[in-house]
Amino acid sequence: MIQFHKADIQKRPAPPKNRMNLKMKMIALIGLLILAIVLVIGIFLDYFVTNTLEAQLGEQALSVAESVALNPDIAQAFETADPAAIIQPLVSPIQQSTNAEFIVVGNAEEIRYSHPNPEQIGKKMVGEDNERALLSGVSYVSEATGSLGNSLRAKVPIYSGTDIIGVVSVGFLATDIQTLIGDYNHELWLMLVIITVVAILVAIAIATYIKRKLHGLEPEEISRLLFQKETILQSTHEGIIAVDDAGKITLLNQMAQQLLFGGVQDTGQLIGQPIRHVLPTSDLPDILESRRSRFDQEEVYGSYAVYVNSGPIYYEDTLVGAVSTFRNKTEIDTLTKELSHVKQYANALRAQTHEFSNKLYTISGLVYLNKKQEVLDFIRMEHDIQQEWIQQVIDKVADPLISGILIGKLNQASEQQVQLLIDPDSRLKTPLPDTQSRALTAAIGNLIDNALDAVRDFPAEQRQITLYFTDVGDDILFEIDDSGPGILPGHEHLLFERGFTSKTGADRGYGLSTTRQLIVQAGGELHAEESELGGACFVVSLPKKENYL
């Protein structure tokens, strides 16, 4: 099970103080955006409110002027000797009820019959904007300067039948209008300022939340970490494939692509696909359901046998997906075999040490018995045997690794009371490249071990193994014969199959298949046949260096 917590994320150093961090950048950018939007909206609403209020006041003035002009008492008052005495009392209440600055009624000669200032009654109207109403009979709104100052005024003609006998002027002072507009705009801008402050506070909250979710990392740091982890992921020697909690692929590195699909699938096309469709034999869906890990499951994908380790992924105790790792089984078997060879060297040294210890005890006993001549004869005999082995191997084999494994196996066979003989005609003087030397050393060690196992249950006098090797011709040949039970009928074609074995016990059936793979990788061949000693004969052939290259 893989589980991540916030505390697992490595603390980062504080960013330089002279560089604006992500939080401040977000607050600044969102704040500027909000200010720009509010400013544009404010200017538009200011303009809109101003025009709307002016239009509404103009419409209101025009409506009041029309109602006054259509009043029959007003038109009839024009026929009396003193129209102002009738019109002024009629107009004053209307002016007060409509909050108009003035309502002025004038005759065709623009002489006032009503005015907020009674002293202005009887005088000529000011502003010179009555012509269209008196001459053309048009009702309109204009802006002009009158006796009370600059004002927005509505002009409506007064009819008597079809004749224009006068004009009604209803107005609002410009100063009052601007004061009213200013009050509205003040409230508007105050509301926009409040909205701006609230929006900036929200921007700070959002920036803080995002920064916390990013664990305090800056975008540059996230980009660098992503690049580093992607590089590590793609360069690792294990295949990795991960899915989310819905079973869709979220990650697939190059090694997994090579092991699972032979490198022919496009990784980009696989991301986001359900794992059941892409890899029906994957155990990731079962891992998501059971939430239990599985280790060292052996599977075969294409031409690769792999070990699979799978487990769920948790974040803050919540299941967020699952991951499987794949390791090429052949590579592990090769490493295992190399380790086995190291153990073989150690066992050979241990055997030689044990045998040497026994010989020391023998010499010690002979000395204690005062058998000096027998001591000298025994030492001379053992020296001659060792020198014979060493000289025989050194004279016949040029490669030091192969010489070492042969001497070690000679001692191991001697301890196990197995007669291991090297054919007198054997020779191996051709220099071997590292790949062939390691492959041949591994093959010799494994095949001699198999031969020792094969003859172990036979009487001591029947335990025989012979070695023959030569580099005459284009290939290097190495034959290992034993006097064991041989290859059972029907097993000839199964010998080099992975997992096949005729022996008892666990973890068997990988030696010969791995040995053959190593030899094949070195450009050679390995096959088995019946031995002249009655057991099995394994033949290794490798092309010489000039042919191999």
Protein backbone atom coordinates (compact mmCIF):
# COMPACT_ATOMS: atom_id res chain seq x y z
CA MET A 1 0.00 0.00 0.00
CA ILE A 2 1.30 3.41 -0.97
CA GLN A 3 0.08 6.31 1.15
CA PHE A 4 0.90 10.00 0.91
CA HIS A 5 0.40 12.71 3.51
CA LYS A 6 1.03 16.41 3.38
CA ALA A 7 3.87 15.94 5.85
CA ASP A 8 5.58 13.62 3.35
CA ILE A 9 6.24 16.52 0.99
CA GLN A 10 9.73 17.82 1.41
CA LYS A 11 10.04 21.33 2.82
CA ARG A 12 11.34 23.79 0.30
CA PRO A 13 13.57 26.80 0.95
CA ALA A 14 11.87 30.17 1.13
CA PRO A 15 11.82 32.03 -2.21
CA PRO A 16 14.00 35.14 -2.57
CA LYS A 17 12.40 38.16 -0.92
CA ASN A 18 12.82 40.33 -3.98
CA ARG A 19 10.73 37.99 -6.10
CA MET A 20 6.95 38.16 -6.01
CA ASN A 21 5.55 34.76 -5.08
CA LEU A 22 2.52 33.06 -6.58
CA LYS A 23 0.12 34.27 -3.91
CA MET A 24 1.07 37.92 -4.36
CA LYS A 25 0.99 37.56 -8.15
CA MET A 26 -2.52 36.12 -8.04
CA ILE A 27 -3.74 38.82 -5.64
CA ALA A 28 -2.16 41.56 -7.76
CA LEU A 29 -3.44 40.21 -11.08
CA ILE A 30 -6.96 39.48 -9.81
CA GLY A 31 -7.02 42.86 -8.03
CA LEU A 32 -5.98 44.70 -11.19
CA LEU A 33 -8.56 42.79 -13.19
CA ILE A 34 -11.28 43.64 -10.67
CA LEU A 35 -10.26 47.31 -10.59
CA ALA A 36 -10.27 47.50 -14.38
CA ILE A 37 -13.70 45.87 -14.60
CA VAL A 38 -15.13 48.06 -11.82
CA LEU A 39 -13.67 51.21 -13.42
CA VAL A 40 -15.19 50.39 -16.81
CA ILE A 41 -18.53 49.51 -15.25
CA GLY A 42 -18.43 52.66 -13.08
CA ILE A 43 -17.75 54.96 -16.00
CA PHE A 44 -20.49 53.32 -18.03
CA LEU A 45 -23.01 53.47 -15.18
CA ASP A 46 -22.06 57.08 -14.41
CA TYR A 47 -22.72 58.03 -18.02
CA PHE A 48 -25.87 55.90 -18.14
CA VAL A 49 -27.30 57.31 -14.88
CA THR A 50 -26.57 60.89 -15.96
CA ASN A 51 -28.28 60.49 -19.32
CA THR A 52 -31.17 58.51 -17.80
CA LEU A 53 -31.87 61.10 -15.09
CA GLU A 54 -31.66 63.97 -17.55
CA ALA A 55 -34.01 62.14 -19.92
CA GLN A 56 -36.44 61.32 -17.10
CA LEU A 57 -36.46 64.92 -15.85
CA GLY A 58 -36.98 66.14 -19.41
CA GLU A 59 -39.88 63.74 -19.87
CA GLN A 60 -41.32 64.79 -16.53
CA ALA A 61 -41.04 68.48 -17.44
CA LEU A 62 -42.59 67.83 -20.83
CA SER A 63 -45.47 65.90 -19.26
CA VAL A 64 -46.19 68.72 -16.77
CA ALA A 65 -45.98 71.32 -19.54
CA GLU A 66 -48.45 69.36 -21.70
CA SER A 67 -50.91 68.98 -18.81
CA VAL A 68 -50.78 72.76 -18.19
CA ALA A 69 -51.10 73.59 -21.87
CA LEU A 70 -54.16 71.34 -22.21
CA ASN A 71 -55.89 72.88 -19.21
CA PRO A 72 -58.97 74.72 -20.70
CA ASP A 73 -58.90 77.27 -17.89
CA ILE A 74 -55.47 78.39 -19.03
CA ALA A 75 -56.59 78.92 -22.63
CA GLN A 76 -59.75 80.76 -21.50
CA ALA A 77 -57.71 83.03 -19.21
CA PHE A 78 -55.93 84.40 -22.29
CA GLU A 79 -59.26 86.04 -23.31
CA THR A 80 -59.62 87.95 -20.05
CA ALA A 81 -58.31 91.42 -19.33
CA ASP A 82 -55.81 90.13 -16.71
CA PRO A 83 -54.74 86.55 -17.64
CA ALA A 84 -52.00 86.49 -14.96
CA ALA A 85 -54.56 86.88 -12.19
CA ILE A 86 -56.16 83.57 -13.27
CA ILE A 87 -53.13 81.65 -14.52
CA GLN A 88 -50.71 82.27 -11.61
CA PRO A 89 -53.01 80.73 -8.96
CA LEU A 90 -53.61 77.73 -11.27
CA VAL A 91 -49.92 77.07 -11.95
CA SER A 92 -48.38 77.59 -8.50
CA PRO A 93 -49.91 74.42 -6.90
CA ILE A 94 -48.83 72.34 -9.90
CA GLN A 95 -45.26 73.64 -9.59
CA GLN A 96 -45.10 72.75 -5.92
CA SER A 97 -46.57 69.28 -6.39
CA THR A 98 -44.17 68.39 -9.23
CA ASN A 99 -41.06 69.90 -7.60
CA ALA A 100 -40.41 71.84 -10.80
CA GLU A 101 -38.11 74.82 -10.43
CA PHE A 102 -40.50 76.93 -12.44
CA ILE A 103 -43.64 76.82 -14.57
CA VAL A 104 -43.92 79.84 -16.81
CA VAL A 105 -46.90 80.54 -19.06
CA GLY A 106 -46.41 83.21 -21.75
CA ASN A 107 -48.47 84.59 -24.62
CA ALA A 108 -47.51 84.64 -28.25
CA GLU A 109 -45.36 87.69 -27.62
CA GLU A 110 -43.52 85.73 -24.85
CA ILE A 111 -44.97 87.92 -22.09
CA ARG A 112 -45.13 85.99 -18.81
CA TYR A 113 -48.48 85.30 -17.15
CA SER A 114 -46.96 83.15 -14.40
CA HIS A 115 -43.57 82.83 -12.71
CA PRO A 116 -42.19 81.60 -9.36
CA ASN A 117 -41.07 85.17 -8.80
CA PRO A 118 -44.19 87.37 -9.10
CA GLU A 119 -42.03 90.34 -9.99
CA GLN A 120 -41.15 88.62 -13.28
CA ILE A 121 -44.82 88.41 -14.35
CA GLY A 122 -45.51 90.76 -17.25
CA LYS A 123 -41.93 90.68 -18.43
CA LYS A 124 -40.66 88.95 -21.54
CA MET A 125 -39.48 85.35 -21.24
CA VAL A 126 -35.70 84.84 -21.29
CA GLY A 127 -33.77 82.14 -23.09
CA GLU A 128 -34.82 82.71 -26.69
CA ASP A 129 -35.82 79.06 -27.11
CA ASN A 130 -39.60 79.50 -27.66
CA GLU A 131 -39.60 79.91 -31.43
CA ARG A 132 -40.29 76.27 -32.34
CA ALA A 133 -43.21 76.05 -29.93
CA LEU A 134 -44.77 79.39 -30.95
CA LEU A 135 -44.08 79.21 -34.67
CA SER A 136 -44.14 75.49 -35.42
CA GLY A 137 -46.30 74.15 -32.61
CA VAL A 138 -43.63 71.64 -31.58
CA SER A 139 -43.27 70.29 -28.05
CA TYR A 140 -39.63 69.78 -27.06
CA VAL A 141 -37.02 69.82 -24.30
CA SER A 142 -34.14 72.28 -24.37
CA GLU A 143 -31.39 73.59 -22.15
CA ALA A 144 -30.98 77.34 -21.83
CA THR A 145 -30.24 80.10 -19.35
CA GLY A 146 -33.23 81.99 -18.04
CA SER A 147 -33.92 84.43 -15.28
CA LEU A 148 -33.33 81.74 -12.63
CA GLY A 149 -30.17 80.45 -14.26
CA ASN A 150 -29.20 77.56 -16.53
CA SER A 151 -32.02 75.00 -16.64
CA LEU A 152 -33.47 71.99 -18.41
CA ARG A 153 -36.85 73.13 -19.74
CA ALA A 154 -39.81 71.67 -21.62
CA LYS A 155 -41.69 73.85 -24.16
CA VAL A 156 -45.32 73.10 -25.14
CA PRO A 157 -47.55 75.43 -27.27
CA ILE A 158 -51.02 76.54 -26.02
CA TYR A 159 -53.80 76.32 -28.55
CA SER A 160 -57.08 78.08 -28.86
CA GLY A 161 -58.79 76.11 -31.51
CA THR A 162 -56.15 75.81 -34.20
CA ASP A 163 -54.32 78.97 -33.25
CA ILE A 164 -51.21 79.09 -31.06
CA ILE A 165 -51.88 81.68 -28.40
CA GLY A 166 -49.02 81.02 -26.03
CA VAL A 167 -46.38 78.67 -24.61
CA VAL A 168 -45.83 76.76 -21.36
CA SER A 169 -42.24 76.42 -20.07
CA VAL A 170 -41.53 73.92 -17.26
CA GLY A 171 -37.98 73.67 -16.05
CA PHE A 172 -35.50 72.19 -13.58
CA LEU A 173 -32.31 74.08 -12.75
CA ALA A 174 -29.11 72.49 -14.02
CA THR A 175 -27.54 72.82 -10.58
CA ASP A 176 -30.36 70.84 -9.04
CA ILE A 177 -30.10 68.22 -11.75
CA GLN A 178 -26.33 67.85 -11.22
CA THR A 179 -26.89 67.62 -7.48
CA LEU A 180 -29.40 64.82 -8.02
CA ILE A 181 -27.09 63.04 -10.47
CA GLY A 182 -24.20 63.47 -8.05
CA ASP A 183 -26.19 61.86 -5.26
CA TYR A 184 -27.02 58.86 -7.44
CA ASN A 185 -23.44 58.54 -8.72
CA HIS A 186 -22.06 58.84 -5.19
CA GLU A 187 -24.14 55.87 -4.09
CA LEU A 188 -23.17 54.03 -7.25
CA TRP A 189 -19.41 54.53 -6.77
CA LEU A 190 -19.68 53.73 -3.07
CA MET A 191 -21.31 50.40 -3.95
CA LEU A 192 -18.63 49.71 -6.58
CA VAL A 193 -15.88 50.44 -4.06
CA ILE A 194 -17.48 48.01 -1.60
CA ILE A 195 -17.73 45.38 -4.35
CA THR A 196 -14.05 45.97 -5.21
CA VAL A 197 -12.94 45.53 -1.60
CA VAL A 198 -15.01 42.35 -1.21
CA ALA A 199 -13.68 40.99 -4.52
CA ILE A 200 -10.07 41.65 -3.48
CA LEU A 201 -10.68 39.90 -0.15
CA VAL A 202 -12.14 36.94 -2.08
CA ALA A 203 -9.08 37.04 -4.38
CA ILE A 204 -6.81 36.86 -1.32
CA ALA A 205 -8.82 33.89 0.00
CA ILE A 206 -8.65 32.12 -3.38
CA ALA A 207 -4.90 32.77 -3.70
CA THR A 208 -4.33 31.46 -0.16
CA TYR A 209 -6.40 28.34 -0.86
CA ILE A 210 -4.57 27.59 -4.13
CA LYS A 211 -1.21 28.22 -2.50
CA ARG A 212 -2.11 25.82 0.31
CA LYS A 213 -3.26 23.17 -2.16
CA LEU A 214 0.08 23.53 -3.98
CA HIS A 215 1.85 22.94 -0.64
CA GLY A 216 3.49 26.36 -0.82
CA LEU A 217 5.32 25.59 -4.06
CA GLU A 218 5.89 28.19 -6.77
CA PRO A 219 5.03 27.44 -10.44
CA GLU A 220 8.73 27.30 -11.33
CA GLU A 221 9.34 24.83 -8.53
CA ILE A 222 6.35 22.71 -9.59
CA SER A 223 7.60 22.70 -13.18
CA ARG A 224 11.11 21.72 -12.09
CA LEU A 225 9.87 18.99 -9.76
CA LEU A 226 7.54 17.66 -12.45
CA PHE A 227 10.41 17.52 -14.94
CA GLN A 228 12.71 15.83 -12.42
CA LYS A 229 10.14 13.24 -11.38
CA GLU A 230 9.14 12.56 -14.98
CA THR A 231 12.80 12.05 -15.85
CA ILE A 232 13.29 9.72 -12.89
CA LEU A 233 10.09 7.86 -13.75
CA GLN A 234 11.05 7.35 -17.39
CA SER A 235 14.67 6.41 -16.63
CA THR A 236 13.90 3.82 -13.96
CA HIS A 237 14.59 0.23 -14.93
CA GLU A 238 11.21 -0.98 -13.68
CA GLY A 239 7.99 -0.65 -15.61
CA ILE A 240 5.37 1.43 -13.79
CA ILE A 241 1.68 1.82 -14.60
CA ALA A 242 -0.83 3.63 -12.38
CA VAL A 243 -4.60 4.11 -12.51
CA ASP A 244 -7.02 6.40 -10.71
CA ASP A 245 -9.88 5.24 -8.50
CA ALA A 246 -12.04 4.77 -11.62
CA GLY A 247 -9.53 2.35 -13.16
CA LYS A 248 -8.30 4.74 -15.88
CA ILE A 249 -4.60 4.89 -16.71
CA THR A 250 -2.92 8.01 -15.35
CA LEU A 251 0.75 7.07 -15.69
CA LEU A 252 2.78 4.77 -17.91
CA ASN A 253 6.56 4.95 -18.22
CA GLN A 254 8.73 3.81 -21.13
CA MET A 255 9.86 0.57 -19.51
CA ALA A 256 6.24 -0.47 -18.89
CA GLN A 257 5.44 0.38 -22.48
CA GLN A 258 8.34 -1.81 -23.62
CA LEU A 259 7.53 -4.76 -21.34
CA LEU A 260 3.74 -4.73 -21.76
CA PHE A 261 3.28 -3.60 -25.35
CA GLY A 262 6.65 -4.17 -26.97
CA GLY A 263 7.12 -0.42 -27.40
CA VAL A 264 4.60 -0.23 -30.27
CA GLN A 265 1.82 1.56 -28.37
CA ASP A 266 1.73 5.34 -28.13
CA THR A 267 1.79 6.31 -24.44
CA GLY A 268 -0.30 9.42 -25.10
CA GLN A 269 -3.14 7.33 -26.52
CA LEU A 270 -3.16 5.00 -23.50
CA ILE A 271 -3.43 7.71 -20.85
CA GLY A 272 -7.05 8.05 -19.77
CA GLN A 273 -8.08 4.65 -21.15
CA PRO A 274 -9.67 2.03 -18.83
CA ILE A 275 -7.05 -0.49 -17.71
CA ARG A 276 -9.49 -3.36 -18.36
CA HIS A 277 -9.56 -2.49 -22.07
CA VAL A 278 -5.84 -1.81 -22.48
CA LEU A 279 -4.51 -4.64 -20.28
CA PRO A 280 -7.27 -7.20 -19.58
CA THR A 281 -4.97 -9.42 -17.47
CA SER A 282 -3.93 -6.60 -15.12
CA ASP A 283 -4.78 -7.08 -11.45
CA LEU A 284 -5.20 -3.32 -10.82
CA PRO A 285 -9.04 -3.48 -10.91
CA ASP A 286 -8.91 -6.21 -8.26
CA ILE A 287 -6.50 -4.11 -6.21
CA LEU A 288 -8.97 -1.20 -6.30
CA GLU A 289 -11.76 -3.49 -5.11
CA SER A 290 -9.87 -5.44 -2.47
CA ARG A 291 -7.52 -2.62 -1.44
CA ARG A 292 -4.83 -5.22 -0.78
CA SER A 293 -1.33 -5.40 -2.21
CA ARG A 294 0.08 -8.29 -4.19
CA PHE A 295 3.77 -9.05 -4.53
CA ASP A 296 5.99 -11.02 -6.89
CA GLN A 297 3.20 -12.24 -9.17
CA GLU A 298 4.67 -13.87 -12.26
CA GLU A 299 3.00 -12.88 -15.54
CA VAL A 300 3.84 -13.15 -19.23
CA TYR A 301 3.27 -10.18 -21.58
CA GLY A 302 4.27 -10.74 -25.17
CA SER A 303 7.81 -12.09 -25.18
CA TYR A 304 8.55 -10.95 -21.63
CA ALA A 305 8.11 -12.82 -18.38
CA VAL A 306 7.80 -10.29 -15.59
CA TYR A 307 7.37 -10.07 -11.84
CA VAL A 308 4.45 -7.82 -10.89
CA ASN A 309 4.04 -5.93 -7.62
CA SER A 310 0.72 -4.10 -7.18
CA GLY A 311 -0.80 -2.03 -4.43
CA PRO A 312 -3.41 0.67 -3.71
CA ILE A 313 -2.50 4.36 -3.46
CA TYR A 314 -3.91 6.43 -0.61
CA TYR A 315 -3.86 10.17 -0.08
CA GLU A 316 -4.87 11.38 3.37
CA ASP A 317 -6.45 7.94 4.03
CA THR A 318 -8.55 8.18 0.85
CA LEU A 319 -8.11 5.67 -1.98
CA VAL A 320 -7.05 7.61 -5.07
CA GLY A 321 -5.82 4.81 -7.32
CA ALA A 322 -3.48 1.84 -7.66
CA VAL A 323 -0.04 1.16 -9.12
CA SER A 324 1.79 -1.83 -10.57
CA THR A 325 5.51 -2.21 -11.09
CA PHE A 326 7.01 -4.69 -13.54
CA ARG A 327 10.51 -6.18 -13.49
CA ASN A 328 11.92 -8.29 -16.28
CA LYS A 329 12.12 -11.80 -14.83
CA THR A 330 15.05 -12.68 -17.06
CA GLU A 331 17.15 -9.93 -15.54
CA ILE A 332 16.29 -11.09 -12.03
CA ASP A 333 17.13 -14.68 -12.96
CA THR A 334 20.43 -13.48 -14.37
CA LEU A 335 21.24 -11.63 -11.17
CA THR A 336 20.19 -14.68 -9.19
CA LYS A 337 22.46 -16.85 -11.27
CA GLU A 338 25.38 -14.47 -10.83
CA LEU A 339 24.76 -14.55 -7.09
CA SER A 340 24.65 -18.33 -7.32
CA HIS A 341 28.05 -18.26 -9.02
CA VAL A 342 29.43 -16.14 -6.23
CA LYS A 343 28.08 -18.70 -3.79
CA GLN A 344 29.70 -21.42 -5.89
CA TYR A 345 33.05 -19.67 -5.64
CA ALA A 346 32.53 -19.33 -1.89
CA ASN A 347 31.57 -23.01 -1.58
CA ALA A 348 34.59 -24.00 -3.64
CA LEU A 349 36.84 -21.96 -1.37
CA ARG A 350 35.07 -23.41 1.66
CA ALA A 351 35.57 -26.91 0.27
CA GLN A 352 39.22 -26.20 -0.40
CA THR A 353 39.60 -24.77 3.11
CA HIS A 354 37.87 -27.78 4.64
CA GLU A 355 40.01 -30.19 2.65
CA PHE A 356 43.14 -28.26 3.51
CA SER A 357 42.13 -28.34 7.19
CA ASN A 358 41.75 -32.13 7.02
CA LYS A 359 45.14 -32.41 5.42
CA LEU A 360 46.65 -30.28 8.16
CA TYR A 361 45.11 -32.61 10.75
CA THR A 362 46.58 -35.56 8.87
CA ILE A 363 50.01 -33.94 8.84
CA SER A 364 49.64 -33.03 12.51
CA GLY A 365 48.82 -36.65 13.37
CA LEU A 366 51.76 -37.98 11.39
CA VAL A 367 54.10 -35.52 13.10
CA TYR A 368 52.70 -36.54 16.49
CA LEU A 369 53.43 -40.17 15.56
CA ASN A 370 56.93 -39.13 14.49
CA LYS A 371 56.31 -40.34 10.93
CA LYS A 372 58.57 -37.79 9.26
CA GLN A 373 58.99 -39.60 5.99
CA GLU A 374 55.26 -40.19 5.67
CA VAL A 375 54.72 -36.46 6.31
CA LEU A 376 57.11 -35.55 3.55
CA ASP A 377 55.55 -38.06 1.16
CA PHE A 378 52.03 -36.80 1.96
CA ILE A 379 53.00 -33.16 1.45
CA ARG A 380 54.77 -33.98 -1.78
CA MET A 381 51.77 -35.93 -3.05
CA GLU A 382 49.30 -33.14 -2.24
CA HIS A 383 51.59 -30.55 -3.74
CA ASP A 384 51.91 -32.58 -6.89
CA ILE A 385 48.11 -32.94 -7.16
CA GLN A 386 47.50 -29.23 -6.68
CA GLN A 387 50.28 -28.28 -9.04
CA GLU A 388 48.96 -30.74 -11.57
CA TRP A 389 45.50 -29.17 -11.40
CA ILE A 390 46.77 -25.62 -11.50
CA GLN A 391 49.35 -26.28 -14.18
CA GLN A 392 46.85 -28.27 -16.22
CA VAL A 393 44.30 -25.44 -16.13
CA ILE A 394 46.82 -22.63 -16.64
CA ASP A 395 48.45 -24.43 -19.58
CA LYS A 396 45.12 -25.14 -21.24
CA VAL A 397 43.02 -22.02 -20.47
CA ALA A 398 43.97 -18.39 -21.14
CA ASP A 399 40.92 -16.70 -19.65
CA PRO A 400 41.41 -16.09 -15.86
CA LEU A 401 37.66 -16.28 -15.04
CA ILE A 402 37.32 -19.68 -16.66
CA SER A 403 40.55 -20.85 -15.02
CA GLY A 404 39.23 -19.76 -11.65
CA ILE A 405 35.87 -21.53 -12.00
CA LEU A 406 37.56 -24.73 -13.20
CA ILE A 407 39.99 -24.86 -10.28
CA GLY A 408 37.16 -24.15 -7.86
CA LYS A 409 35.04 -26.94 -9.34
CA LEU A 410 37.97 -29.37 -9.24
CA ASN A 411 38.28 -28.77 -5.50
CA GLN A 412 34.50 -28.96 -5.01
CA ALA A 413 34.36 -32.28 -6.88
CA SER A 414 37.29 -33.61 -4.84
CA GLU A 415 35.50 -32.81 -1.58
CA GLN A 416 32.32 -34.55 -2.81
CA GLN A 417 34.39 -37.56 -3.92
CA VAL A 418 33.51 -37.02 -7.56
CA GLN A 419 36.12 -37.75 -10.20
CA LEU A 420 36.27 -34.59 -12.33
CA LEU A 421 38.68 -35.01 -15.24
CA ILE A 422 39.79 -32.57 -17.94
CA ASP A 423 40.45 -34.18 -21.30
CA PRO A 424 44.21 -34.04 -22.07
CA ASP A 425 43.49 -32.68 -25.56
CA SER A 426 41.51 -29.70 -24.20
CA ARG A 427 42.76 -26.18 -24.88
CA LEU A 428 41.24 -22.70 -24.77
CA LYS A 429 43.81 -20.08 -25.72
CA THR A 430 41.53 -17.73 -27.67
CA PRO A 431 40.96 -14.39 -25.85
CA LEU A 432 37.30 -13.95 -25.01
CA PRO A 433 35.38 -10.66 -24.90
CA ASP A 434 33.79 -9.80 -21.55
CA THR A 435 30.29 -10.84 -22.64
CA GLN A 436 31.40 -14.29 -23.76
CA SER A 437 33.73 -14.74 -20.79
CA ARG A 438 30.97 -14.01 -18.28
CA ALA A 439 28.43 -16.13 -20.17
CA LEU A 440 30.80 -19.10 -20.48
CA THR A 441 31.86 -18.83 -16.83
CA ALA A 442 28.23 -18.85 -15.72
CA ALA A 443 27.40 -21.76 -18.02
CA ILE A 444 30.38 -23.84 -16.80
CA GLY A 445 29.51 -23.27 -13.16
CA ASN A 446 25.85 -24.13 -13.62
CA LEU A 447 26.42 -27.17 -15.84
CA ILE A 448 29.09 -28.67 -13.54
CA ASP A 449 26.77 -28.12 -10.55
CA ASN A 450 24.02 -29.96 -12.42
CA ALA A 451 26.48 -32.77 -13.18
CA LEU A 452 27.53 -32.96 -9.51
CA ASP A 453 23.86 -33.20 -8.53
CA ALA A 454 23.29 -35.90 -11.15
CA VAL A 455 26.03 -38.24 -9.83
CA ARG A 456 25.56 -37.50 -6.11
CA ASP A 457 23.42 -40.59 -5.37
CA PHE A 458 25.76 -43.00 -7.20
CA PRO A 459 28.53 -45.01 -5.53
CA ALA A 460 31.81 -43.09 -5.21
CA GLU A 461 33.56 -45.19 -7.83
CA GLN A 462 30.80 -44.38 -10.38
CA ARG A 463 30.78 -40.60 -9.85
CA GLN A 464 32.51 -39.35 -12.97
CA ILE A 465 32.46 -36.04 -14.85
CA THR A 466 34.65 -35.21 -17.83
CA LEU A 467 35.35 -31.83 -19.36
CA TYR A 468 36.46 -31.17 -22.90
CA PHE A 469 36.98 -27.78 -24.49
CA THR A 470 38.63 -26.56 -27.66
CA ASP A 471 38.98 -23.44 -29.75
CA VAL A 472 40.07 -25.21 -32.89
CA GLY A 473 38.02 -24.01 -35.85
CA ASP A 474 35.57 -21.10 -35.99
CA ASP A 475 33.82 -21.81 -32.68
CA ILE A 476 34.72 -22.43 -29.07
CA LEU A 477 33.30 -25.75 -27.84
CA PHE A 478 32.83 -26.85 -24.27
CA GLU A 479 31.47 -30.33 -23.38
CA ILE A 480 30.45 -31.55 -19.93
CA ASP A 481 29.70 -35.29 -19.59
CA ASP A 482 28.48 -37.04 -16.46
CA SER A 483 27.77 -40.62 -15.42
CA GLY A 484 24.37 -39.76 -13.94
CA PRO A 485 20.94 -41.11 -14.89
CA GLY A 486 20.85 -39.05 -18.08
CA ILE A 487 17.91 -37.32 -19.73
CA LEU A 488 14.60 -39.04 -19.18
CA PRO A 489 12.71 -40.07 -22.33
CA GLY A 490 10.28 -37.38 -23.46
CA HIS A 491 12.09 -34.61 -21.58
CA GLU A 492 14.55 -33.72 -24.35
CA HIS A 493 12.44 -30.83 -25.70
CA LEU A 494 11.55 -29.56 -22.19
CA LEU A 495 15.06 -29.24 -20.72
CA PHE A 496 15.47 -25.55 -21.49
CA GLU A 497 11.88 -24.51 -20.75
CA ARG A 498 11.61 -22.02 -17.90
CA GLY A 499 10.23 -23.67 -14.77
CA PHE A 500 10.73 -27.27 -15.96
CA THR A 501 12.74 -29.53 -13.65
CA SER A 502 13.07 -33.20 -12.82
CA LYS A 503 14.39 -32.38 -9.35
CA THR A 504 12.40 -31.95 -6.16
CA GLY A 505 12.21 -28.76 -4.10
CA ALA A 506 11.11 -25.17 -4.58
CA ASP A 507 12.70 -22.54 -6.84
CA ARG A 508 13.81 -25.10 -9.39
CA GLY A 509 13.68 -25.10 -13.18
CA TYR A 510 15.46 -21.83 -13.94
CA GLY A 511 19.16 -22.80 -14.18
CA LEU A 512 19.25 -24.35 -17.64
CA SER A 513 16.86 -21.82 -19.19
CA THR A 514 18.88 -18.91 -17.79
CA THR A 515 22.15 -20.55 -18.85
CA ARG A 516 20.88 -21.02 -22.37
CA GLN A 517 19.65 -17.42 -22.50
CA LEU A 518 23.07 -16.13 -21.45
CA ILE A 519 24.80 -18.25 -24.09
CA VAL A 520 22.35 -17.13 -26.79
CA GLN A 521 22.83 -13.48 -25.81
CA ALA A 522 26.57 -14.04 -26.23
CA GLY A 523 25.92 -15.35 -29.75
CA GLY A 524 26.27 -19.05 -29.00
CA GLU A 525 24.21 -22.21 -28.59
CA LEU A 526 23.56 -24.78 -25.86
CA HIS A 527 22.18 -28.25 -26.46
CA ALA A 528 22.07 -31.62 -24.71
CA GLU A 529 22.73 -35.17 -25.87
CA GLU A 530 23.50 -38.59 -24.45
CA SER A 531 26.91 -38.94 -22.79
CA GLU A 532 29.43 -41.70 -23.42
CA LEU A 533 29.57 -42.08 -19.61
CA GLY A 534 25.92 -43.08 -19.59
CA GLY A 535 24.50 -39.79 -18.34
CA ALA A 536 23.93 -36.43 -20.03
CA CYS A 537 26.27 -34.40 -22.17
CA PHE A 538 25.81 -30.63 -22.50
CA VAL A 539 27.58 -28.87 -25.35
CA VAL A 540 28.23 -25.11 -25.39
CA SER A 541 29.36 -23.49 -28.61
CA LEU A 542 30.40 -19.85 -28.96
CA PRO A 543 31.69 -18.07 -32.05
CA LYS A 544 35.21 -16.74 -31.75
CA LYS A 545 35.71 -13.04 -31.16
CA GLU A 546 36.25 -12.11 -34.81
CA ASN A 547 33.12 -14.06 -35.82
CA TYR A 548 31.07 -12.77 -32.88
CA LEU A 549 31.85 -9.13 -33.60
